[in-house]
Protein backbone atom coordinates (compact mmCIF):
# COMPACT_ATOMS: atom_id res chain seq x y z
CA MET A 1 78.99 156.11 92.87
CA SER A 2 80.12 152.52 91.70
CA SER A 3 78.94 151.34 88.23
CA LEU A 4 76.79 147.95 88.22
CA LEU A 5 78.48 145.12 87.76
CA SER A 6 78.21 143.51 84.33
CA ILE A 7 76.30 140.46 83.83
CA GLU A 8 80.30 139.14 82.16
CA GLU A 9 81.97 139.92 86.05
CA VAL A 10 79.17 137.94 87.67
CA ARG A 11 79.48 134.56 85.75
CA GLU A 12 83.34 134.63 85.56
CA ARG A 13 83.68 135.51 89.65
CA ASN A 14 80.65 132.25 89.89
CA GLU A 15 82.65 130.06 87.71
CA GLU A 16 86.05 131.33 89.42
CA LEU A 17 84.39 130.47 93.29
CA THR A 18 83.54 127.21 92.01
CA THR A 19 87.04 126.92 91.10
CA LEU A 20 88.11 127.88 94.49
CA MET A 21 85.95 125.77 96.01
CA SER A 22 87.20 122.43 94.51
CA ASP A 23 90.80 123.33 95.66
CA PRO A 24 92.06 121.18 98.72
CA ALA A 25 93.61 123.83 100.32
CA VAL A 26 91.01 125.76 100.18
CA MET A 27 89.01 123.06 101.36
CA ALA A 28 90.82 122.55 104.26
CA ASP A 29 90.14 125.83 105.30
CA ASN A 30 87.15 126.28 107.10
CA LYS A 31 86.64 129.68 107.67
CA ARG A 32 87.63 130.66 103.82
CA PHE A 33 85.62 128.03 102.33
CA ARG A 34 82.70 129.10 104.01
CA MET A 35 83.20 132.77 103.43
CA LEU A 36 83.70 131.71 99.66
CA ALA A 37 80.48 129.32 100.23
CA LYS A 38 78.43 132.45 101.18
CA GLU A 39 79.63 134.41 98.61
CA GLN A 40 78.41 132.00 96.02
CA SER A 41 74.98 130.95 97.28
CA ASP A 42 74.38 134.69 96.95
CA ILE A 43 75.82 135.31 93.43
CA ALA A 44 74.62 132.05 92.12
CA PRO A 45 70.97 132.96 91.13
CA ILE A 46 72.53 135.95 89.78
CA ALA A 47 74.65 134.09 87.43
CA LYS A 48 71.98 131.39 86.37
CA LEU A 49 69.46 135.17 85.70
CA ALA A 50 72.71 135.66 83.68
CA ASN A 51 72.62 132.85 81.19
CA GLU A 52 69.11 132.96 80.71
CA ILE A 53 69.57 136.61 79.22
CA GLU A 54 72.36 135.54 76.93
CA GLU A 55 70.59 132.59 75.61
CA LEU A 56 67.39 135.48 75.08
CA ARG A 57 69.66 137.69 73.52
CA LYS A 58 71.01 135.23 71.43
CA SER A 59 68.42 134.49 70.18
CA ILE A 60 67.16 137.30 69.47
CA SER A 61 69.93 138.17 67.53
CA GLU A 62 69.50 135.40 65.39
CA ASP A 63 65.87 136.25 64.70
CA GLU A 64 66.85 139.73 63.45
CA GLU A 65 70.00 138.20 61.35
CA ILE A 66 66.92 136.03 60.04
CA LEU A 67 64.70 139.49 59.21
CA ASN A 68 67.87 140.62 57.10
CA GLY A 69 67.34 137.52 54.61
CA GLU A 70 65.34 136.80 51.60
CA ASP A 71 63.05 133.56 53.49
CA GLU A 72 59.48 135.66 53.52
CA GLU A 73 57.87 132.51 55.30
CA LEU A 74 61.28 132.56 57.85
CA LYS A 75 61.23 136.33 57.95
CA GLY A 76 57.47 136.05 58.91
CA LEU A 77 58.39 133.32 61.82
CA ALA A 78 61.15 135.38 63.20
CA GLU A 79 59.23 138.51 63.62
CA GLU A 80 56.38 136.56 65.47
CA GLU A 81 59.25 135.23 67.77
CA LEU A 82 61.24 138.46 68.17
CA LYS A 83 58.51 140.17 70.05
CA GLU A 84 57.67 137.58 72.30
CA LEU A 85 61.77 137.02 72.91
CA LYS A 86 61.88 140.85 73.72
CA ASP A 87 58.94 140.94 76.02
CA ASN A 88 60.47 137.97 78.05
CA LEU A 89 64.07 139.67 77.85
CA LYS A 90 62.51 143.43 79.52
CA PRO A 91 61.91 142.05 82.52
CA LEU A 92 65.00 140.06 83.33
CA GLU A 93 66.81 142.70 82.54
CA GLU A 94 65.51 144.95 85.05
CA GLU A 95 65.91 142.31 87.57
CA ILE A 96 69.00 141.41 87.22
CA ARG A 97 69.95 145.10 86.81
CA GLU A 98 68.47 145.72 90.60
CA LEU A 99 70.16 142.08 91.81
CA LEU A 100 73.76 143.88 90.81
CA LEU A 101 73.74 147.06 92.37
CA PRO A 102 76.15 147.37 94.81
CA LYS A 103 75.67 145.96 97.96
CA ASP A 104 76.42 147.67 101.34
CA PRO A 105 79.28 145.20 102.66
CA ASP A 106 77.39 145.20 106.67
CA ASP A 107 74.18 144.06 104.99
CA SER A 108 75.40 140.53 105.69
CA LYS A 109 76.52 140.92 109.50
CA LYS A 110 74.51 140.63 112.40
CA ALA A 111 72.46 143.73 113.62
CA ILE A 112 72.74 145.19 117.44
CA ILE A 113 69.68 147.23 118.66
CA GLU A 114 69.86 150.16 121.02
CA ILE A 115 66.75 151.74 121.88
CA ARG A 116 66.64 155.17 123.94
CA ALA A 117 63.83 157.19 125.65
CA GLY A 118 63.82 160.47 124.25
CA THR A 119 62.05 163.71 124.71
CA GLY A 120 58.29 163.10 126.76
CA GLY A 121 59.93 161.44 130.29
CA ASP A 122 57.79 158.31 131.38
CA GLU A 123 56.07 158.31 128.19
CA ALA A 124 59.19 158.25 125.87
CA ALA A 125 60.46 155.34 128.51
CA ILE A 126 57.54 153.69 128.26
CA PHE A 127 57.16 153.90 124.41
CA ALA A 128 60.81 152.75 124.39
CA ALA A 129 59.57 149.71 125.74
CA ASP A 130 56.86 149.27 123.69
CA LEU A 131 59.29 149.67 120.79
CA TYR A 132 61.84 147.13 122.31
CA ARG A 133 58.39 144.68 122.25
CA MET A 134 57.72 145.57 118.70
CA TYR A 135 61.16 144.53 117.60
CA THR A 136 61.24 141.29 119.72
CA LYS A 137 57.91 140.05 118.35
CA TYR A 138 59.39 140.56 114.63
CA LEU A 139 62.06 138.64 115.32
CA GLU A 140 59.66 135.56 117.01
CA ARG A 141 58.16 135.87 113.82
CA LYS A 142 61.03 135.74 111.63
CA GLY A 143 62.64 132.91 113.89
CA LEU A 144 65.24 134.92 114.81
CA LYS A 145 67.51 134.28 118.06
CA PHE A 146 68.44 137.74 120.28
CA GLU A 147 69.84 138.21 123.77
CA LEU A 148 69.60 140.96 125.69
CA LEU A 149 72.51 142.69 126.04
CA SER A 150 72.18 146.05 128.48
CA VAL A 151 68.71 147.56 129.70
CA SER A 152 68.15 150.11 132.31
CA PRO A 153 64.66 150.18 133.55
CA THR A 154 62.46 153.32 135.04
CA ASN A 155 59.85 153.02 137.55
CA MET A 156 57.27 153.09 135.41
CA GLY A 157 57.67 149.81 133.50
CA GLY A 158 59.83 151.28 130.88
CA TYR A 159 63.17 151.79 129.58
CA LYS A 160 65.53 154.52 129.66
CA GLU A 161 67.74 152.29 127.16
CA ILE A 162 67.68 148.85 126.37
CA ILE A 163 70.38 146.80 123.96
CA ILE A 164 69.98 143.70 122.47
CA SER A 165 71.82 141.79 119.64
CA VAL A 166 70.52 139.61 116.89
CA GLU A 167 72.44 136.37 116.27
CA ALA A 168 71.70 135.99 112.78
CA GLU A 169 73.85 136.80 109.89
CA GLY A 170 72.02 139.55 107.15
CA SER A 171 70.04 140.77 110.36
CA TYR A 172 71.40 144.13 109.85
CA GLY A 173 70.32 144.77 106.24
CA ASP A 174 66.95 144.36 107.46
CA LEU A 175 66.71 146.30 110.56
CA LYS A 176 69.33 149.23 109.47
CA PHE A 177 65.94 151.37 108.10
CA GLU A 178 64.84 151.33 111.85
CA SER A 179 67.67 153.90 112.66
CA GLY A 180 66.30 156.80 113.77
CA VAL A 181 63.72 158.95 115.94
CA HIS A 182 60.58 157.26 116.29
CA ARG A 183 57.51 159.36 117.37
CA VAL A 184 54.47 158.40 119.59
CA GLN A 185 51.18 160.03 119.46
CA ARG A 186 49.26 159.04 122.01
CA VAL A 187 47.39 159.47 125.48
CA PRO A 188 49.98 158.65 127.89
CA VAL A 189 48.97 156.36 130.86
CA THR A 190 50.46 159.16 133.30
CA GLU A 191 47.74 161.64 131.66
CA THR A 192 44.59 162.22 133.34
CA SER A 193 43.26 164.97 131.07
CA GLY A 194 42.96 162.53 128.40
CA ARG A 195 44.92 164.92 126.16
CA VAL A 196 47.40 163.29 123.39
CA HIS A 197 50.98 163.45 123.87
CA THR A 198 53.96 163.62 121.67
CA SER A 199 57.18 161.74 122.64
CA ALA A 200 59.97 160.42 121.13
CA ALA A 201 62.48 157.51 121.31
CA SER A 202 65.62 156.90 119.28
CA VAL A 203 66.57 153.81 117.30
CA ALA A 204 69.89 152.99 116.24
CA VAL A 205 70.86 149.64 114.41
CA LEU A 206 74.72 149.21 114.36
CA PRO A 207 76.39 146.22 112.35
CA GLU A 208 77.65 143.99 114.88
CA ALA A 209 81.35 144.17 114.59
CA GLU A 210 83.92 141.09 114.99
CA GLU A 211 87.09 140.68 116.89
CA VAL A 212 88.96 140.49 113.00
CA ASP A 213 87.15 143.76 112.06
CA VAL A 214 88.36 146.01 115.43
CA ASN A 215 91.33 145.54 116.92
CA ILE A 216 90.76 146.74 121.22
CA ASN A 217 94.54 147.30 123.11
CA PRO A 218 93.57 145.84 126.54
CA GLY A 219 95.56 149.36 127.43
CA ASP A 220 92.90 151.58 125.92
CA LEU A 221 90.09 150.27 128.33
CA LYS A 222 89.67 151.52 131.71
CA ILE A 223 87.13 148.95 133.43
CA ASP A 224 85.50 149.29 136.39
CA VAL A 225 83.22 147.27 138.77
CA TYR A 226 80.24 148.19 140.72
CA ARG A 227 77.34 146.54 142.32
CA SER A 228 73.83 146.35 140.36
CA THR A 229 71.28 148.78 140.93
CA GLY A 230 67.50 148.12 139.47
CA PRO A 231 65.07 151.11 138.89
CA GLY A 232 65.13 153.46 142.08
CA GLY A 233 68.89 152.99 142.60
CA GLN A 234 67.70 150.04 144.67
CA SER A 235 70.69 147.34 145.24
CA VAL A 236 69.44 144.49 143.25
CA ASN A 237 72.85 142.44 143.56
CA THR A 238 74.87 141.86 146.35
CA THR A 239 78.12 141.60 144.55
CA ASP A 240 80.16 143.54 142.31
CA SER A 241 78.70 141.69 138.98
CA ALA A 242 78.17 145.24 137.02
CA VAL A 243 80.86 146.28 134.82
CA ARG A 244 81.72 149.56 133.12
CA ILE A 245 84.47 149.85 130.46
CA THR A 246 85.47 153.20 129.23
CA HIS A 247 87.53 153.21 125.57
CA LEU A 248 90.09 155.93 126.79
CA PRO A 249 91.20 157.15 123.21
CA THR A 250 87.36 157.81 122.50
CA GLY A 251 85.75 158.54 125.34
CA LEU A 252 82.80 155.98 124.64
CA VAL A 253 81.64 154.22 127.88
CA VAL A 254 79.61 151.22 127.89
CA SER A 255 77.97 149.78 131.14
CA CYS A 256 76.14 146.31 131.63
CA GLN A 257 74.59 144.74 134.61
CA ASP A 258 72.14 142.63 133.24
CA GLU A 259 73.90 139.19 134.14
CA LYS A 260 74.91 137.98 137.82
CA SER A 261 78.46 137.05 136.15
CA GLN A 262 80.90 139.76 135.90
CA HIS A 263 82.61 137.85 133.36
CA LYS A 264 79.48 137.67 131.23
CA ASN A 265 78.97 141.06 132.05
CA LYS A 266 82.49 142.21 130.75
CA ALA A 267 81.69 140.07 127.32
CA LYS A 268 78.50 141.80 126.57
CA ALA A 269 79.65 145.28 126.78
CA LEU A 270 83.09 144.27 125.07
CA LYS A 271 80.71 143.27 122.26
CA VAL A 272 78.58 146.96 122.49
CA LEU A 273 81.75 148.58 122.30
CA ARG A 274 83.38 146.98 119.61
CA THR A 275 80.63 147.51 117.73
CA ARG A 276 80.17 151.29 118.65
CA LEU A 277 83.94 151.47 117.75
CA MET A 278 83.73 150.60 114.23
CA GLU A 279 80.44 152.44 113.56
CA VAL A 280 82.82 155.66 114.51
CA MET A 281 85.68 153.92 111.92
CA LYS A 282 83.18 154.08 109.44
CA GLU A 283 81.94 157.36 110.01
CA GLU A 284 85.25 158.62 109.78
CA GLN A 285 85.65 156.67 106.94
CA GLN A 286 82.88 158.27 105.32
CA SER A 287 83.25 161.79 106.40
CA GLU A 288 85.11 162.30 103.04
CA ILE A 289 81.75 161.10 100.81
CA ALA A 290 78.81 163.39 100.00
CA ALA A 291 76.08 163.74 101.94
CA GLU A 292 73.72 162.09 99.47
CA ARG A 293 75.84 158.88 99.36
CA LYS A 294 76.28 158.78 103.11
CA LEU A 295 72.04 158.55 103.34
CA MET A 296 71.60 155.84 100.41
CA ILE A 297 74.44 152.85 102.39
CA GLY A 298 72.34 153.57 105.07
CA SER A 299 74.53 155.95 107.73
CA GLY A 300 72.86 158.83 107.79
CA ASP A 301 72.31 161.49 110.45
CA ARG A 302 70.40 159.17 112.61
CA SER A 303 68.64 162.38 114.33
CA ALA A 304 66.31 162.34 111.77
CA LYS A 305 62.39 161.26 112.91
CA VAL A 306 61.55 158.37 110.63
CA ARG A 307 58.65 157.34 111.88
CA THR A 308 55.22 158.40 113.65
CA TYR A 309 53.22 156.05 115.37
CA ASN A 310 49.90 157.51 115.62
CA PHE A 311 47.53 155.48 118.54
CA PRO A 312 44.02 157.25 118.13
CA GLN A 313 44.51 157.01 114.71
CA ASN A 314 45.72 153.69 114.38
CA ARG A 315 48.09 155.10 111.88
CA CYS A 316 51.87 154.38 111.26
CA THR A 317 53.43 157.01 108.95
CA ASP A 318 57.12 156.12 107.64
CA HIS A 319 58.51 159.88 106.83
CA ARG A 320 61.28 158.71 104.42
CA ILE A 321 59.44 157.53 101.78
CA ASN A 322 55.92 159.03 102.43
CA LEU A 323 53.94 155.69 103.48
CA THR A 324 51.32 155.81 105.71
CA LEU A 325 49.59 152.12 106.98
CA TYR A 326 46.29 152.41 109.30
CA ALA A 327 47.42 149.09 110.54
CA LEU A 328 49.68 150.27 114.30
CA ASP A 329 48.45 147.51 116.06
CA ALA A 330 49.73 144.86 114.09
CA ILE A 331 52.76 146.68 113.92
CA MET A 332 53.29 146.77 117.28
CA ASP A 333 52.74 143.37 117.19
CA GLY A 334 56.08 142.73 115.18
CA ASP A 335 54.74 143.26 111.73
CA LEU A 336 57.36 145.41 110.24
CA ASP A 337 57.59 143.60 106.66
CA GLU A 338 56.20 146.06 104.48
CA LEU A 339 57.87 148.76 106.56
CA ILE A 340 60.69 147.03 105.74
CA GLU A 341 60.17 146.08 102.21
CA ALA A 342 59.08 149.68 101.04
CA ASN A 343 62.16 151.12 102.59
CA LYS A 344 64.36 148.52 100.42
CA ARG A 345 62.41 149.46 97.05
CA GLU A 346 63.18 153.32 97.49
CA LEU A 347 67.07 153.02 98.02
CA ARG A 348 66.77 150.76 95.45
CA ALA A 349 65.62 153.11 93.23
CA LYS A 350 68.01 155.88 94.83
CA LEU A 351 71.10 153.44 93.69
CA LEU A 352 69.56 153.14 90.40
CA LYS A 353 68.90 156.74 90.06
CA GLU A 354 72.36 157.63 91.39
CA ILE A 355 74.27 155.45 89.01
CA ASP A 356 71.65 156.50 85.63
CA LYS A 357 73.21 159.88 86.70
CA THR A 358 76.94 158.40 86.34
CA GLU A 359 76.56 156.25 83.04
């Protein structure tokens, strides 16, 4: 596990970034300049906090020197000030300790959300549709744009599978905690006797891969086109606009029929394929890393049950952090902030604990 960055390293990097961004050659390179500007916007608040901490530590050191002196009046003043300085320093050190934790490099990326019906037949597909609505409501609350990439509807108004991309930098860092199996307990609309059933849907949140992240050889692709179909198999398009792409080396298959344009469907399918390929590459790289480390960076087994939605009790339980909220109606309407922030806090605590073991 990587150690915490030092305060001095942060301050030095901030100064280095300022120098780099004033270099005419860097300013002429828009892509590099934007990348450095993004890094500095992340690091500048930490550097500012680091400076405050250094000033406090300097004042504490000066007061401690006075306490070793002979002037009793000055010693009394220094002792009184020293307590206040130390009280001010402690929360700042705790804050910067969290800010200096190693970052998941994918946190700054856009996200792709894949929702699939699991066990439970029609009710599972309806729940998948409910989860889709929950996430889109959350994104609307945040003012984040999203795009529908692929959808496989059912006759009952549910989805066998639905995939969306979130067009916002950093959305993966928030939404990655949604990956896993989501379980629902309620009386299905298809249930005539009023019994509560348990069904499930799986959610996979992936960092969107850009072309620079994954280079796809066109020769590795088998591309089929066919006519789009709706629920029940009926044809909804008279042209061969639907696209199925098979990545021959891995066997990954992605289909898209959401758009009337074959070109748009191909572009969307390639976006999903690129993202899934990056995930495969990442999991292969991480297969040599300890299981606890994999869990901490959010790439653990997605088959794990992460959350239960109990409608009769208006209850939502996040099993990873033992958090239960009796506000299911608000959660299903997109109010996910408390769940997401609680998972972030838990992850930070685990990372700090892991670092403490190695230092």
